[in-house]
Amino acid sequence: MPFAVTSYVNGKYLEGLMQQTINPNWSTDSIAVALHTDAISGQNKNNQESWPGTSTEVSSAGYTSKGQTLTAPSFVASGGVLAFDETDANMQWTGVTFTAQGCIIFNDTTTSPYADPVICAINFGTPQNPVNGTFTINWAASGIFVANY
């Protein structure tokens, strides 16, 4: 059953990182950011979860399926803090017309233990409606997400 995009970090993905059962190569894997409408089905932040596919992804000229790839993602665990960050420029799509409620960040390279695992989902708070305009995601200076452990 579809339900609204809720911001979350995929606990199973983080668990796999911490236990080293999931070993992404942050410099070579394709870590993608896909924009989605308000109806993403299959979200469960505590299960192994794959990117939900294109059924709820936005569609527009200027936007390609699976969105864009982060150019410099990093994941650091230090001093009781986990930080997932994008150290390069913010994401931007130009000449687009769509309604996006949020984005899903996933590893488009990983196939094991499951394909295209979701790292996190981000709710924009309100629907974003560019009309033949530019849509930008400005990453927070503190990181895409930061969690204490």
Protein backbone atom coordinates (compact mmCIF):
# COMPACT_ATOMS: atom_id res chain seq x y z
CA MET A 1 0.00 0.00 0.00
CA PRO A 2 1.52 3.37 -0.97
CA PHE A 3 2.04 6.00 1.66
CA ALA A 4 3.66 9.42 1.90
CA VAL A 5 7.42 9.79 1.73
CA THR A 6 8.84 9.74 5.24
CA SER A 7 12.41 10.79 5.93
CA TYR A 8 14.42 7.91 7.31
CA VAL A 9 17.77 6.16 7.26
CA ASN A 10 17.58 2.50 6.27
CA GLY A 11 18.54 0.73 9.50
CA LYS A 12 19.39 -2.53 7.75
CA TYR A 13 21.76 -0.76 5.38
CA LEU A 14 23.51 0.95 8.30
CA GLU A 15 23.67 -2.34 10.16
CA GLY A 16 25.28 -3.95 7.12
CA LEU A 17 27.84 -1.15 6.93
CA MET A 18 28.70 -1.48 10.60
CA GLN A 19 28.96 -5.29 10.40
CA GLN A 20 30.78 -5.05 7.07
CA THR A 21 28.29 -7.34 5.32
CA ILE A 22 27.64 -4.43 2.93
CA ASN A 23 30.87 -2.96 1.58
CA PRO A 24 30.21 -0.16 -0.88
CA ASN A 25 33.10 1.49 -2.63
CA TRP A 26 32.20 5.14 -2.04
CA SER A 27 34.62 6.32 -4.74
CA THR A 28 33.46 4.00 -7.55
CA ASP A 29 29.89 2.85 -6.75
CA SER A 30 27.04 4.81 -8.29
CA ILE A 31 25.21 6.39 -5.33
CA ALA A 32 22.06 7.79 -6.94
CA VAL A 33 19.46 10.36 -5.90
CA ALA A 34 16.04 9.72 -7.45
CA LEU A 35 13.14 12.15 -7.05
CA HIS A 36 9.76 10.67 -6.16
CA THR A 37 6.13 11.69 -5.82
CA ASP A 38 4.25 11.26 -2.55
CA ALA A 39 3.37 7.62 -3.19
CA ILE A 40 6.36 5.40 -2.57
CA SER A 41 5.33 1.84 -1.88
CA GLY A 42 7.36 -0.72 -0.04
CA GLN A 43 9.12 1.62 2.36
CA ASN A 44 10.25 -0.12 5.51
CA LYS A 45 13.24 1.42 7.20
CA ASN A 46 13.99 -1.74 9.16
CA ASN A 47 14.11 -4.21 6.27
CA GLN A 48 16.52 -4.88 3.47
CA GLU A 49 15.03 -2.62 0.88
CA SER A 50 15.71 -2.01 -2.77
CA TRP A 51 15.05 1.20 -4.67
CA PRO A 52 11.28 1.10 -5.40
CA GLY A 53 11.65 1.60 -9.14
CA THR A 54 10.14 4.06 -11.54
CA SER A 55 6.44 3.71 -10.69
CA THR A 56 6.59 6.64 -8.23
CA GLU A 57 9.56 8.45 -9.73
CA VAL A 58 9.02 11.89 -11.24
CA SER A 59 9.06 12.22 -15.00
CA SER A 60 10.06 15.28 -17.00
CA ALA A 61 12.26 16.56 -19.75
CA GLY A 62 15.54 17.40 -18.02
CA TYR A 63 15.22 14.44 -15.61
CA THR A 64 16.44 10.91 -16.29
CA SER A 65 15.33 7.71 -14.61
CA LYS A 66 17.20 7.04 -11.36
CA GLY A 67 17.99 10.74 -11.06
CA GLN A 68 21.59 11.81 -10.65
CA THR A 69 24.69 10.28 -9.13
CA LEU A 70 26.41 11.84 -6.14
CA THR A 71 29.92 12.79 -7.24
CA ALA A 72 31.75 12.60 -3.91
CA PRO A 73 29.76 10.63 -1.31
CA SER A 74 31.35 9.62 1.97
CA PHE A 75 30.35 7.62 5.00
CA VAL A 76 32.34 8.13 8.19
CA ALA A 77 31.90 6.60 11.64
CA SER A 78 33.95 8.38 14.29
CA GLY A 79 33.56 9.26 17.94
CA GLY A 80 30.06 7.84 18.21
CA VAL A 81 28.77 9.77 15.17
CA LEU A 82 27.83 8.37 11.75
CA ALA A 83 27.89 10.88 8.93
CA PHE A 84 26.82 10.36 5.34
CA ASP A 85 27.77 13.32 3.22
CA GLU A 86 28.18 14.65 -0.29
CA THR A 87 31.22 16.90 -0.35
CA ASP A 88 30.68 18.15 -3.88
CA ALA A 89 28.09 20.56 -5.30
CA ASN A 90 24.37 20.38 -4.64
CA MET A 91 22.14 18.42 -7.04
CA GLN A 92 20.38 20.35 -9.78
CA TRP A 93 17.93 19.59 -12.59
CA THR A 94 17.08 22.28 -15.16
CA GLY A 95 14.13 22.73 -17.49
CA VAL A 96 11.95 20.40 -15.41
CA THR A 97 8.23 20.25 -14.69
CA PHE A 98 7.11 17.78 -12.02
CA THR A 99 5.82 17.41 -8.48
CA ALA A 100 8.32 15.84 -6.08
CA GLN A 101 7.63 15.12 -2.42
CA GLY A 102 11.04 13.64 -1.68
CA CYS A 103 14.10 11.76 -2.85
CA ILE A 104 15.58 8.35 -2.28
CA ILE A 105 19.32 7.85 -2.09
CA PHE A 106 20.39 4.35 -3.07
CA ASN A 107 23.43 2.38 -4.21
CA ASP A 108 22.79 1.68 -7.90
CA THR A 109 25.86 -0.58 -8.11
CA THR A 110 25.34 -3.06 -5.28
CA THR A 111 23.69 -6.37 -6.15
CA SER A 112 24.43 -8.37 -2.97
CA PRO A 113 22.99 -9.11 -0.48
CA TYR A 114 20.21 -7.33 -2.40
CA ALA A 115 20.06 -5.05 -5.44
CA ASP A 116 19.98 -1.24 -5.37
CA PRO A 117 19.76 -0.90 -1.58
CA VAL A 118 18.13 2.24 -0.21
CA ILE A 119 20.46 4.26 2.02
CA CYS A 120 17.91 6.87 3.05
CA ALA A 121 14.75 8.70 2.02
CA ILE A 122 14.26 12.43 2.44
CA ASN A 123 10.88 14.15 2.60
CA PHE A 124 10.99 17.72 1.28
CA GLY A 125 8.21 18.73 3.69
CA THR A 126 5.95 20.10 0.99
CA PRO A 127 5.51 19.12 -2.65
CA GLN A 128 8.04 20.83 -4.91
CA ASN A 129 6.58 21.96 -8.23
CA PRO A 130 9.07 23.47 -10.65
CA VAL A 131 7.46 24.47 -13.96
CA ASN A 132 10.01 24.47 -16.79
CA GLY A 133 12.44 25.63 -14.14
CA THR A 134 15.42 24.57 -12.08
CA PHE A 135 15.11 22.24 -9.10
CA THR A 136 18.01 22.14 -6.64
CA ILE A 137 18.69 20.01 -3.57
CA ASN A 138 20.95 21.89 -1.16
CA TRP A 139 22.71 19.41 1.10
CA ALA A 140 23.12 20.50 4.73
CA ALA A 141 26.62 21.58 5.76
CA SER A 142 26.54 18.95 8.54
CA GLY A 143 25.88 16.13 6.04
CA ILE A 144 23.00 14.42 4.30
CA PHE A 145 22.38 12.62 7.56
CA VAL A 146 24.22 12.42 10.86
CA ALA A 147 23.35 9.89 13.56
CA ASN A 148 24.75 9.07 16.98
CA TYR A 149 25.56 5.50 17.90
